[in-house]
Amino acid sequence: MRLPAPLEAVTEALQKLPGIGSKSAQRIALHLLKEGPQSMEHLAELLSAVAQKVGFCRICGSFTDQSECLICRDTERDPTSLVVVAEASNVLSFERGGQFKGRYHVLGGLISPLKGAGPEQLRIRELLKRLEDENIQEIVIATNPTLDGETTAAWLVRTLEPMESHGLKVSRIGLGLPIGSDLEYADDLTLSRALEGRRTINLCSPEHAKYQRQ
């Protein structure tokens, strides 16, 4: 049995959301219909408000409804330590753990030659500008341990290498995250252990020659 065209359109739209299959999308659409027009209109109003009011922080690139996010405005956060992540959703993952008390920088994606995404499409210039303007002493590279994530980490290491002589410490999240995993779906304990187990990257050491080759 085919659903009425408007309901079918809603179902198809819901299927585009991550983790929502055709059956789940249909159940959600039917539930919304059962809840009635007021419930659907309220949801539509909320989604419209998000679209109009929520954007990205001008400093770190995370989600915010103002020009700067709460973390960047928080004077209690450690301004010397910066976790670099690929997506704004990764910030939420780290914050759930509650272990990291520094600040963040969102790249807005990963370097992916197969997808045609290069470093010039990421917020790397903004990162370098922050290193000039802020008293940042450590950068923790927290991209996913995937091929694109490692490629991005390698590019960042090469880019940051000249700054090691000025005292910048570069580390990489380590223990707790299996190869090929996604930060967005990691649990709080795993992320906390990965952050605690971060390893310092000696930018000039042969031990990290792999970063130079990638």
C-alpha atoms as a PDB file:
ATOM      1  CA  MET A   1       0.000   0.000   0.000  1.00  0.00           C
ATOM      2  CA  ARG A   2       1.390   3.371  -1.010  1.00  0.00           C
ATOM      3  CA  LEU A   3       1.180   6.237   1.429  1.00  0.00           C
ATOM      4  CA  PRO A   4      -0.508   9.480   0.390  1.00  0.00           C
ATOM      5  CA  ALA A   5       1.954  11.635  -1.556  1.00  0.00           C
ATOM      6  CA  PRO A   6       2.535  14.259   1.209  1.00  0.00           C
ATOM      7  CA  LEU A   7       3.191  11.530   3.787  1.00  0.00           C
ATOM      8  CA  GLU A   8       5.461   9.663   1.366  1.00  0.00           C
ATOM      9  CA  ALA A   9       7.451  12.869   0.874  1.00  0.00           C
ATOM     10  CA  VAL A  10       7.947  13.194   4.645  1.00  0.00           C
ATOM     11  CA  THR A  11       9.050   9.556   4.848  1.00  0.00           C
ATOM     12  CA  GLU A  12      11.619  10.054   2.082  1.00  0.00           C
ATOM     13  CA  ALA A  13      12.941  13.183   3.800  1.00  0.00           C
ATOM     14  CA  LEU A  14      13.327  11.348   7.123  1.00  0.00           C
ATOM     15  CA  GLN A  15      15.292   8.560   5.413  1.00  0.00           C
ATOM     16  CA  LYS A  16      18.016  11.078   4.625  1.00  0.00           C
ATOM     17  CA  LEU A  17      18.760  11.429   8.334  1.00  0.00           C
ATOM     18  CA  PRO A  18      21.660   9.287   9.664  1.00  0.00           C
ATOM     19  CA  GLY A  19      20.587   5.966  11.127  1.00  0.00           C
ATOM     20  CA  ILE A  20      17.015   6.190   9.807  1.00  0.00           C
ATOM     21  CA  GLY A  21      15.947   3.423   7.450  1.00  0.00           C
ATOM     22  CA  SER A  22      12.747   3.180   5.425  1.00  0.00           C
ATOM     23  CA  LYS A  23      10.749   1.394   8.145  1.00  0.00           C
ATOM     24  CA  SER A  24      11.895   3.766  10.885  1.00  0.00           C
ATOM     25  CA  ALA A  25      11.127   6.763   8.676  1.00  0.00           C
ATOM     26  CA  GLN A  26       7.639   5.443   8.013  1.00  0.00           C
ATOM     27  CA  ARG A  27       7.001   4.846  11.721  1.00  0.00           C
ATOM     28  CA  ILE A  28       8.104   8.386  12.579  1.00  0.00           C
ATOM     29  CA  ALA A  29       5.963   9.884   9.828  1.00  0.00           C
ATOM     30  CA  LEU A  30       2.894   7.928  10.964  1.00  0.00           C
ATOM     31  CA  HIS A  31       3.552   8.880  14.594  1.00  0.00           C
ATOM     32  CA  LEU A  32       3.681  12.569  13.662  1.00  0.00           C
ATOM     33  CA  LEU A  33       0.432  12.170  11.735  1.00  0.00           C
ATOM     34  CA  LYS A  34      -1.180  10.475  14.736  1.00  0.00           C
ATOM     35  CA  GLU A  35      -0.038  13.290  17.059  1.00  0.00           C
ATOM     36  CA  GLY A  36      -2.036  15.730  14.966  1.00  0.00           C
ATOM     37  CA  PRO A  37      -1.526  19.079  13.212  1.00  0.00           C
ATOM     38  CA  GLN A  38      -0.492  21.005  16.348  1.00  0.00           C
ATOM     39  CA  SER A  39       2.368  18.637  17.108  1.00  0.00           C
ATOM     40  CA  MET A  40       3.606  18.758  13.513  1.00  0.00           C
ATOM     41  CA  GLU A  41       3.358  22.533  13.359  1.00  0.00           C
ATOM     42  CA  HIS A  42       5.290  22.841  16.627  1.00  0.00           C
ATOM     43  CA  LEU A  43       8.052  20.609  15.274  1.00  0.00           C
ATOM     44  CA  ALA A  44       8.143  22.627  12.051  1.00  0.00           C
ATOM     45  CA  GLU A  45       8.480  25.846  14.073  1.00  0.00           C
ATOM     46  CA  LEU A  46      11.373  24.393  16.081  1.00  0.00           C
ATOM     47  CA  LEU A  47      13.179  23.250  12.936  1.00  0.00           C
ATOM     48  CA  SER A  48      12.636  26.656  11.347  1.00  0.00           C
ATOM     49  CA  ALA A  49      14.071  28.361  14.444  1.00  0.00           C
ATOM     50  CA  VAL A  50      17.165  26.147  14.318  1.00  0.00           C
ATOM     51  CA  ALA A  51      17.668  26.927  10.638  1.00  0.00           C
ATOM     52  CA  GLN A  52      17.419  30.660  11.280  1.00  0.00           C
ATOM     53  CA  LYS A  53      19.194  31.028  14.628  1.00  0.00           C
ATOM     54  CA  VAL A  54      21.852  28.303  14.905  1.00  0.00           C
ATOM     55  CA  GLY A  55      25.102  28.708  13.020  1.00  0.00           C
ATOM     56  CA  PHE A  56      28.811  28.269  13.650  1.00  0.00           C
ATOM     57  CA  CYS A  57      31.114  30.051  16.086  1.00  0.00           C
ATOM     58  CA  ARG A  58      33.336  32.616  14.383  1.00  0.00           C
ATOM     59  CA  ILE A  59      36.286  31.458  16.502  1.00  0.00           C
ATOM     60  CA  CYS A  60      36.163  27.672  16.752  1.00  0.00           C
ATOM     61  CA  GLY A  61      33.502  26.677  14.221  1.00  0.00           C
ATOM     62  CA  SER A  62      31.270  24.816  16.682  1.00  0.00           C
ATOM     63  CA  PHE A  63      27.482  25.205  16.971  1.00  0.00           C
ATOM     64  CA  THR A  64      26.158  28.438  18.456  1.00  0.00           C
ATOM     65  CA  ASP A  65      23.201  30.805  18.341  1.00  0.00           C
ATOM     66  CA  GLN A  66      25.503  33.801  18.826  1.00  0.00           C
ATOM     67  CA  SER A  67      28.673  34.999  17.133  1.00  0.00           C
ATOM     68  CA  GLU A  68      30.787  33.033  19.636  1.00  0.00           C
ATOM     69  CA  CYS A  69      29.907  29.717  21.279  1.00  0.00           C
ATOM     70  CA  LEU A  70      29.616  29.131  25.032  1.00  0.00           C
ATOM     71  CA  ILE A  71      32.986  27.357  25.194  1.00  0.00           C
ATOM     72  CA  CYS A  72      34.890  30.175  23.527  1.00  0.00           C
ATOM     73  CA  ARG A  73      33.192  32.683  25.840  1.00  0.00           C
ATOM     74  CA  ASP A  74      33.899  30.625  28.968  1.00  0.00           C
ATOM     75  CA  THR A  75      36.765  32.272  30.862  1.00  0.00           C
ATOM     76  CA  GLU A  76      37.110  29.149  33.033  1.00  0.00           C
ATOM     77  CA  ARG A  77      38.326  27.053  30.083  1.00  0.00           C
ATOM     78  CA  ASP A  78      42.059  26.527  29.573  1.00  0.00           C
ATOM     79  CA  PRO A  79      43.044  28.779  26.632  1.00  0.00           C
ATOM     80  CA  THR A  80      46.421  27.062  26.164  1.00  0.00           C
ATOM     81  CA  SER A  81      45.063  23.655  25.086  1.00  0.00           C
ATOM     82  CA  LEU A  82      43.183  23.121  21.833  1.00  0.00           C
ATOM     83  CA  VAL A  83      41.526  19.948  20.540  1.00  0.00           C
ATOM     84  CA  VAL A  84      41.236  19.923  16.745  1.00  0.00           C
ATOM     85  CA  VAL A  85      38.262  17.947  15.410  1.00  0.00           C
ATOM     86  CA  ALA A  86      36.718  17.419  11.989  1.00  0.00           C
ATOM     87  CA  GLU A  87      33.076  18.253  12.711  1.00  0.00           C
ATOM     88  CA  ALA A  88      31.152  20.334  15.232  1.00  0.00           C
ATOM     89  CA  SER A  89      29.356  17.182  16.389  1.00  0.00           C
ATOM     90  CA  ASN A  90      32.730  15.876  17.654  1.00  0.00           C
ATOM     91  CA  VAL A  91      32.832  18.759  20.148  1.00  0.00           C
ATOM     92  CA  LEU A  92      29.578  17.474  21.643  1.00  0.00           C
ATOM     93  CA  SER A  93      31.131  14.007  21.964  1.00  0.00           C
ATOM     94  CA  PHE A  94      34.101  15.318  23.959  1.00  0.00           C
ATOM     95  CA  GLU A  95      31.939  17.580  26.104  1.00  0.00           C
ATOM     96  CA  ARG A  96      29.726  14.659  27.132  1.00  0.00           C
ATOM     97  CA  GLY A  97      32.781  13.068  28.739  1.00  0.00           C
ATOM     98  CA  GLY A  98      33.483  16.196  30.762  1.00  0.00           C
ATOM     99  CA  GLN A  99      37.234  15.496  30.985  1.00  0.00           C
ATOM    100  CA  PHE A 100      38.652  18.091  28.621  1.00  0.00           C
ATOM    101  CA  LYS A 101      38.696  21.643  29.999  1.00  0.00           C
ATOM    102  CA  GLY A 102      40.387  23.433  27.105  1.00  0.00           C
ATOM    103  CA  ARG A 103      38.954  24.751  23.862  1.00  0.00           C
ATOM    104  CA  TYR A 104      38.290  23.411  20.376  1.00  0.00           C
ATOM    105  CA  HIS A 105      38.858  24.078  16.709  1.00  0.00           C
ATOM    106  CA  VAL A 106      36.545  22.551  14.101  1.00  0.00           C
ATOM    107  CA  LEU A 107      38.069  21.913  10.681  1.00  0.00           C
ATOM    108  CA  GLY A 108      34.722  21.484   8.965  1.00  0.00           C
ATOM    109  CA  GLY A 109      35.665  18.201   7.310  1.00  0.00           C
ATOM    110  CA  LEU A 110      38.633  16.007   6.453  1.00  0.00           C
ATOM    111  CA  ILE A 111      41.185  15.908   3.672  1.00  0.00           C
ATOM    112  CA  SER A 112      39.927  13.276   1.254  1.00  0.00           C
ATOM    113  CA  PRO A 113      41.566  13.026  -2.182  1.00  0.00           C
ATOM    114  CA  LEU A 114      38.947  10.496  -3.313  1.00  0.00           C
ATOM    115  CA  LYS A 115      36.175  12.972  -2.522  1.00  0.00           C
ATOM    116  CA  GLY A 116      38.078  15.932  -3.939  1.00  0.00           C
ATOM    117  CA  ALA A 117      38.428  17.586  -0.523  1.00  0.00           C
ATOM    118  CA  GLY A 118      41.764  19.309   0.014  1.00  0.00           C
ATOM    119  CA  PRO A 119      43.240  21.280   2.929  1.00  0.00           C
ATOM    120  CA  GLU A 120      42.212  24.581   1.358  1.00  0.00           C
ATOM    121  CA  GLN A 121      38.579  23.606   1.948  1.00  0.00           C
ATOM    122  CA  LEU A 122      39.096  23.182   5.684  1.00  0.00           C
ATOM    123  CA  ARG A 123      39.387  25.797   8.435  1.00  0.00           C
ATOM    124  CA  ILE A 124      43.169  25.438   8.624  1.00  0.00           C
ATOM    125  CA  ARG A 125      43.938  29.101   7.909  1.00  0.00           C
ATOM    126  CA  GLU A 126      41.709  29.982  10.843  1.00  0.00           C
ATOM    127  CA  LEU A 127      43.657  27.513  13.017  1.00  0.00           C
ATOM    128  CA  LEU A 128      46.997  29.090  12.090  1.00  0.00           C
ATOM    129  CA  LYS A 129      45.564  32.529  12.796  1.00  0.00           C
ATOM    130  CA  ARG A 130      44.528  31.379  16.261  1.00  0.00           C
ATOM    131  CA  LEU A 131      48.057  30.166  16.902  1.00  0.00           C
ATOM    132  CA  GLU A 132      49.289  33.673  16.104  1.00  0.00           C
ATOM    133  CA  ASP A 133      46.691  35.473  18.203  1.00  0.00           C
ATOM    134  CA  GLU A 134      46.163  33.158  21.172  1.00  0.00           C
ATOM    135  CA  ASN A 135      48.466  31.671  23.793  1.00  0.00           C
ATOM    136  CA  ILE A 136      48.042  28.085  22.585  1.00  0.00           C
ATOM    137  CA  GLN A 137      50.691  25.703  23.917  1.00  0.00           C
ATOM    138  CA  GLU A 138      49.266  22.320  22.953  1.00  0.00           C
ATOM    139  CA  ILE A 139      47.236  21.065  20.027  1.00  0.00           C
ATOM    140  CA  VAL A 140      45.538  17.683  20.347  1.00  0.00           C
ATOM    141  CA  ILE A 141      44.708  16.271  16.909  1.00  0.00           C
ATOM    142  CA  ALA A 142      41.426  14.399  17.347  1.00  0.00           C
ATOM    143  CA  THR A 143      40.404  13.408  13.830  1.00  0.00           C
ATOM    144  CA  ASN A 144      38.850   9.969  13.359  1.00  0.00           C
ATOM    145  CA  PRO A 145      41.320   7.059  13.101  1.00  0.00           C
ATOM    146  CA  THR A 146      40.242   6.420   9.502  1.00  0.00           C
ATOM    147  CA  LEU A 147      42.191   6.846   6.266  1.00  0.00           C
ATOM    148  CA  ASP A 148      40.918  10.410   5.769  1.00  0.00           C
ATOM    149  CA  GLY A 149      41.389  11.185   9.455  1.00  0.00           C
ATOM    150  CA  GLU A 150      44.994   9.989   9.422  1.00  0.00           C
ATOM    151  CA  THR A 151      45.677  11.854   6.180  1.00  0.00           C
ATOM    152  CA  THR A 152      44.374  15.042   7.766  1.00  0.00           C
ATOM    153  CA  ALA A 153      46.404  14.449  10.928  1.00  0.00           C
ATOM    154  CA  ALA A 154      49.556  13.928   8.841  1.00  0.00           C
ATOM    155  CA  TRP A 155      48.948  17.171   6.934  1.00  0.00           C
ATOM    156  CA  LEU A 156      48.437  19.070  10.181  1.00  0.00           C
ATOM    157  CA  VAL A 157      51.666  17.661  11.631  1.00  0.00           C
ATOM    158  CA  ARG A 158      53.655  18.833   8.609  1.00  0.00           C
ATOM    159  CA  THR A 159      51.997  22.254   8.752  1.00  0.00           C
ATOM    160  CA  LEU A 160      52.645  22.690  12.482  1.00  0.00           C
ATOM    161  CA  GLU A 161      56.227  21.415  12.388  1.00  0.00           C
ATOM    162  CA  PRO A 162      57.864  24.882  12.128  1.00  0.00           C
ATOM    163  CA  MET A 163      56.094  25.938  15.318  1.00  0.00           C
ATOM    164  CA  GLU A 164      57.678  23.216  17.468  1.00  0.00           C
ATOM    165  CA  SER A 165      60.757  25.386  17.961  1.00  0.00           C
ATOM    166  CA  HIS A 166      58.492  28.019  19.520  1.00  0.00           C
ATOM    167  CA  GLY A 167      57.280  25.577  22.179  1.00  0.00           C
ATOM    168  CA  LEU A 168      54.104  24.241  20.578  1.00  0.00           C
ATOM    169  CA  LYS A 169      53.300  20.705  21.699  1.00  0.00           C
ATOM    170  CA  VAL A 170      51.384  18.533  19.224  1.00  0.00           C
ATOM    171  CA  SER A 171      49.698  15.328  20.356  1.00  0.00           C
ATOM    172  CA  ARG A 172      47.345  12.762  18.868  1.00  0.00           C
ATOM    173  CA  ILE A 173      44.491  10.975  20.658  1.00  0.00           C
ATOM    174  CA  GLY A 174      45.511   7.382  21.087  1.00  0.00           C
ATOM    175  CA  LEU A 175      44.314   4.609  23.373  1.00  0.00           C
ATOM    176  CA  GLY A 176      40.714   3.540  23.295  1.00  0.00           C
ATOM    177  CA  LEU A 177      39.760   4.241  19.677  1.00  0.00           C
ATOM    178  CA  PRO A 178      39.992   1.319  17.241  1.00  0.00           C
ATOM    179  CA  ILE A 179      41.104   1.902  13.671  1.00  0.00           C
ATOM    180  CA  GLY A 180      38.188   2.814  11.424  1.00  0.00           C
ATOM    181  CA  SER A 181      35.962   4.060  14.248  1.00  0.00           C
ATOM    182  CA  ASP A 182      34.011   7.316  14.335  1.00  0.00           C
ATOM    183  CA  LEU A 183      34.336   9.806  17.201  1.00  0.00           C
ATOM    184  CA  GLU A 184      30.669  10.739  16.970  1.00  0.00           C
ATOM    185  CA  TYR A 185      29.638   7.234  18.075  1.00  0.00           C
ATOM    186  CA  ALA A 186      32.327   6.676  20.711  1.00  0.00           C
ATOM    187  CA  ASP A 187      31.130   6.423  24.302  1.00  0.00           C
ATOM    188  CA  ASP A 188      32.212   8.910  26.987  1.00  0.00           C
ATOM    189  CA  LEU A 189      34.678   6.552  28.717  1.00  0.00           C
ATOM    190  CA  THR A 190      36.387   5.628  25.449  1.00  0.00           C
ATOM    191  CA  LEU A 191      36.839   9.291  24.515  1.00  0.00           C
ATOM    192  CA  SER A 192      38.151  10.131  27.984  1.00  0.00           C
ATOM    193  CA  ARG A 193      40.737   7.351  27.790  1.00  0.00           C
ATOM    194  CA  ALA A 194      41.698   8.397  24.262  1.00  0.00           C
ATOM    195  CA  LEU A 195      42.268  11.948  25.492  1.00  0.00           C
ATOM    196  CA  GLU A 196      44.245  10.796  28.527  1.00  0.00           C
ATOM    197  CA  GLY A 197      46.290   8.457  26.325  1.00  0.00           C
ATOM    198  CA  ARG A 198      47.197  11.067  23.735  1.00  0.00           C
ATOM    199  CA  ARG A 199      50.780  10.832  22.574  1.00  0.00           C
ATOM    200  CA  THR A 200      53.070  13.728  21.883  1.00  0.00           C
ATOM    201  CA  ILE A 201      54.193  13.982  18.270  1.00  0.00           C
ATOM    202  CA  ASN A 202      57.868  14.890  17.973  1.00  0.00           C
ATOM    203  CA  LEU A 203      57.577  16.701  14.682  1.00  0.00           C
ATOM    204  CA  CYS A 204      61.221  16.142  13.761  1.00  0.00           C
ATOM    205  CA  SER A 205      61.573  12.559  14.957  1.00  0.00           C
ATOM    206  CA  PRO A 206      62.098   9.649  12.505  1.00  0.00           C
ATOM    207  CA  GLU A 207      59.588   7.764  14.638  1.00  0.00           C
ATOM    208  CA  HIS A 208      56.879   9.836  12.978  1.00  0.00           C
ATOM    209  CA  ALA A 209      58.256   9.655   9.451  1.00  0.00           C
ATOM    210  CA  LYS A 210      54.905   8.205   8.363  1.00  0.00           C
ATOM    211  CA  TYR A 211      53.393  11.653   8.836  1.00  0.00           C
ATOM    212  CA  GLN A 212      55.944  13.069   6.439  1.00  0.00           C
ATOM    213  CA  ARG A 213      55.226  10.459   3.783  1.00  0.00           C
ATOM    214  CA  GLN A 214      51.441  10.779   3.790  1.00  0.00           C
END
